Amino acid sequence: MSGFVNAIAAADLAPGRATEVNVAGKAVAIFNVGGVFYALSNTCLHRGGPLGQGFLEGSSVTCPWHNWTYDVTTGENVVNHDLKVPCYPTRVENGQVQVQVEQP
């Protein structure tokens, strides 16, 4: 088993946009950065804000609650690199963005 789960149709998330999904019981934020998809935990480390509702600029997402900003390619906080939200592998197969939230 690969551990990848269908999350959304790739065509449903335009470049520069984000969305929130539930993947295998986990709240996940998916981001389309120039046609490349990234997935992070949807929960900001500060106060639990929904990163999938955040403001995506380039490869950085800013939490809509208190403006904590993360690099969607790594999950690292842009101010303090020791703070990191879980980052999940993604791939696109048969038009579906797939996310691996559990390691096989």
C-alpha atoms as a PDB file:
ATOM      1  CA  MET A   1       0.000   0.000   0.000  1.00  0.00           C
ATOM      2  CA  SER A   2       1.363   3.398  -0.977  1.00  0.00           C
ATOM      3  CA  GLY A   3      -0.393   5.376   1.734  1.00  0.00           C
ATOM      4  CA  PHE A   4      -1.578   7.999  -0.777  1.00  0.00           C
ATOM      5  CA  VAL A   5      -5.258   8.955  -0.578  1.00  0.00           C
ATOM      6  CA  ASN A   6      -7.339  10.926  -3.097  1.00  0.00           C
ATOM      7  CA  ALA A   7      -7.986  14.374  -1.636  1.00  0.00           C
ATOM      8  CA  ILE A   8      -9.383  16.620  -4.411  1.00  0.00           C
ATOM      9  CA  ALA A   9      -9.537  16.877  -8.174  1.00  0.00           C
ATOM     10  CA  ALA A  10      -6.493  18.812  -9.390  1.00  0.00           C
ATOM     11  CA  ALA A  11      -8.730  20.904 -11.656  1.00  0.00           C
ATOM     12  CA  ASP A  12     -10.665  22.134  -8.602  1.00  0.00           C
ATOM     13  CA  LEU A  13      -7.710  24.053  -7.125  1.00  0.00           C
ATOM     14  CA  ALA A  14      -6.325  26.844  -9.296  1.00  0.00           C
ATOM     15  CA  PRO A  15      -2.736  28.099  -8.953  1.00  0.00           C
ATOM     16  CA  GLY A  16      -2.355  30.527  -6.065  1.00  0.00           C
ATOM     17  CA  ARG A  17      -5.266  29.002  -4.169  1.00  0.00           C
ATOM     18  CA  ALA A  18      -5.680  26.828  -1.077  1.00  0.00           C
ATOM     19  CA  THR A  19      -8.361  24.514   0.251  1.00  0.00           C
ATOM     20  CA  GLU A  20      -9.172  22.464   3.314  1.00  0.00           C
ATOM     21  CA  VAL A  21      -9.818  18.724   3.152  1.00  0.00           C
ATOM     22  CA  ASN A  22     -10.051  15.755   5.461  1.00  0.00           C
ATOM     23  CA  VAL A  23      -7.610  12.988   4.546  1.00  0.00           C
ATOM     24  CA  ALA A  24      -7.746   9.740   6.510  1.00  0.00           C
ATOM     25  CA  GLY A  25      -9.212  11.586   9.489  1.00  0.00           C
ATOM     26  CA  LYS A  26      -6.686  14.449   9.433  1.00  0.00           C
ATOM     27  CA  ALA A  27      -7.428  18.097   8.682  1.00  0.00           C
ATOM     28  CA  VAL A  28      -5.170  19.006   5.752  1.00  0.00           C
ATOM     29  CA  ALA A  29      -4.589  22.233   3.838  1.00  0.00           C
ATOM     30  CA  ILE A  30      -3.679  21.808   0.164  1.00  0.00           C
ATOM     31  CA  PHE A  31      -1.956  24.578  -1.788  1.00  0.00           C
ATOM     32  CA  ASN A  32      -1.399  25.015  -5.522  1.00  0.00           C
ATOM     33  CA  VAL A  33       1.841  26.919  -6.085  1.00  0.00           C
ATOM     34  CA  GLY A  34       2.329  27.418  -9.811  1.00  0.00           C
ATOM     35  CA  GLY A  35       0.769  24.067 -10.640  1.00  0.00           C
ATOM     36  CA  VAL A  36       2.637  22.139  -7.929  1.00  0.00           C
ATOM     37  CA  PHE A  37       0.572  20.868  -5.010  1.00  0.00           C
ATOM     38  CA  TYR A  38       1.674  20.938  -1.370  1.00  0.00           C
ATOM     39  CA  ALA A  39      -0.091  19.689   1.753  1.00  0.00           C
ATOM     40  CA  LEU A  40       0.295  20.756   5.364  1.00  0.00           C
ATOM     41  CA  SER A  41      -1.583  20.177   8.567  1.00  0.00           C
ATOM     42  CA  ASN A  42      -4.492  22.611   8.470  1.00  0.00           C
ATOM     43  CA  THR A  43      -3.781  23.726  12.043  1.00  0.00           C
ATOM     44  CA  CYS A  44      -1.591  26.759  12.783  1.00  0.00           C
ATOM     45  CA  LEU A  45       0.777  26.211  15.698  1.00  0.00           C
ATOM     46  CA  HIS A  46      -0.108  29.533  17.321  1.00  0.00           C
ATOM     47  CA  ARG A  47      -3.813  29.226  18.119  1.00  0.00           C
ATOM     48  CA  GLY A  48      -5.058  26.507  15.780  1.00  0.00           C
ATOM     49  CA  GLY A  49      -6.138  28.752  12.924  1.00  0.00           C
ATOM     50  CA  PRO A  50      -7.152  27.123   9.607  1.00  0.00           C
ATOM     51  CA  LEU A  51      -4.168  27.421   7.243  1.00  0.00           C
ATOM     52  CA  GLY A  52      -6.312  26.325   4.301  1.00  0.00           C
ATOM     53  CA  GLN A  53      -8.251  29.579   4.716  1.00  0.00           C
ATOM     54  CA  GLY A  54      -5.028  31.570   4.851  1.00  0.00           C
ATOM     55  CA  PHE A  55      -3.513  34.011   2.400  1.00  0.00           C
ATOM     56  CA  LEU A  56      -1.205  32.309  -0.110  1.00  0.00           C
ATOM     57  CA  GLU A  57       1.509  34.464  -1.649  1.00  0.00           C
ATOM     58  CA  GLY A  58       4.097  32.573  -3.658  1.00  0.00           C
ATOM     59  CA  SER A  59       4.992  29.605  -1.472  1.00  0.00           C
ATOM     60  CA  SER A  60       4.056  31.282   1.830  1.00  0.00           C
ATOM     61  CA  VAL A  61       0.724  30.994   3.599  1.00  0.00           C
ATOM     62  CA  THR A  62      -0.335  33.415   6.310  1.00  0.00           C
ATOM     63  CA  CYS A  63      -2.776  32.165   8.926  1.00  0.00           C
ATOM     64  CA  PRO A  64      -6.002  34.198   8.750  1.00  0.00           C
ATOM     65  CA  TRP A  65      -6.285  34.439  12.539  1.00  0.00           C
ATOM     66  CA  HIS A  66      -3.001  35.957  13.774  1.00  0.00           C
ATOM     67  CA  ASN A  67      -0.728  36.282  10.716  1.00  0.00           C
ATOM     68  CA  TRP A  68       1.740  33.496  11.463  1.00  0.00           C
ATOM     69  CA  THR A  69       3.362  32.616   8.135  1.00  0.00           C
ATOM     70  CA  TYR A  70       4.626  29.252   6.907  1.00  0.00           C
ATOM     71  CA  ASP A  71       6.504  28.001   3.852  1.00  0.00           C
ATOM     72  CA  VAL A  72       4.089  25.518   2.264  1.00  0.00           C
ATOM     73  CA  THR A  73       6.966  23.564   0.692  1.00  0.00           C
ATOM     74  CA  THR A  74       8.497  22.688   4.073  1.00  0.00           C
ATOM     75  CA  GLY A  75       5.932  23.549   6.751  1.00  0.00           C
ATOM     76  CA  GLU A  76       8.472  25.822   8.457  1.00  0.00           C
ATOM     77  CA  ASN A  77       7.463  29.074  10.099  1.00  0.00           C
ATOM     78  CA  VAL A  78       9.163  31.860   8.128  1.00  0.00           C
ATOM     79  CA  VAL A  79      10.260  33.731  11.269  1.00  0.00           C
ATOM     80  CA  ASN A  80      11.294  30.802  13.478  1.00  0.00           C
ATOM     81  CA  HIS A  81      12.450  27.772  11.473  1.00  0.00           C
ATOM     82  CA  ASP A  82      12.319  25.610  14.612  1.00  0.00           C
ATOM     83  CA  LEU A  83       8.512  25.826  14.427  1.00  0.00           C
ATOM     84  CA  LYS A  84       7.104  23.516  11.794  1.00  0.00           C
ATOM     85  CA  VAL A  85       3.642  22.193  10.960  1.00  0.00           C
ATOM     86  CA  PRO A  86       3.453  18.660   9.555  1.00  0.00           C
ATOM     87  CA  CYS A  87       4.073  18.569   5.803  1.00  0.00           C
ATOM     88  CA  TYR A  88       2.673  15.694   3.748  1.00  0.00           C
ATOM     89  CA  PRO A  89       3.853  14.245   0.414  1.00  0.00           C
ATOM     90  CA  THR A  90       1.549  14.841  -2.554  1.00  0.00           C
ATOM     91  CA  ARG A  91       1.238  13.545  -6.090  1.00  0.00           C
ATOM     92  CA  VAL A  92      -1.224  13.859  -8.946  1.00  0.00           C
ATOM     93  CA  GLU A  93      -2.590  10.679 -10.502  1.00  0.00           C
ATOM     94  CA  ASN A  94      -5.530  10.395 -12.890  1.00  0.00           C
ATOM     95  CA  GLY A  95      -6.411  14.046 -12.274  1.00  0.00           C
ATOM     96  CA  GLN A  96      -6.586  13.605  -8.494  1.00  0.00           C
ATOM     97  CA  VAL A  97      -4.353  15.280  -5.935  1.00  0.00           C
ATOM     98  CA  GLN A  98      -3.314  12.511  -3.587  1.00  0.00           C
ATOM     99  CA  VAL A  99      -1.883  13.072  -0.114  1.00  0.00           C
ATOM    100  CA  GLN A 100       0.107  10.676   2.056  1.00  0.00           C
ATOM    101  CA  VAL A 101      -0.697  11.478   5.699  1.00  0.00           C
ATOM    102  CA  GLU A 102       0.589   8.186   7.094  1.00  0.00           C
ATOM    103  CA  GLN A 103       3.862   6.563   6.215  1.00  0.00           C
ATOM    104  CA  PRO A 104       3.475   3.052   4.764  1.00  0.00           C
END
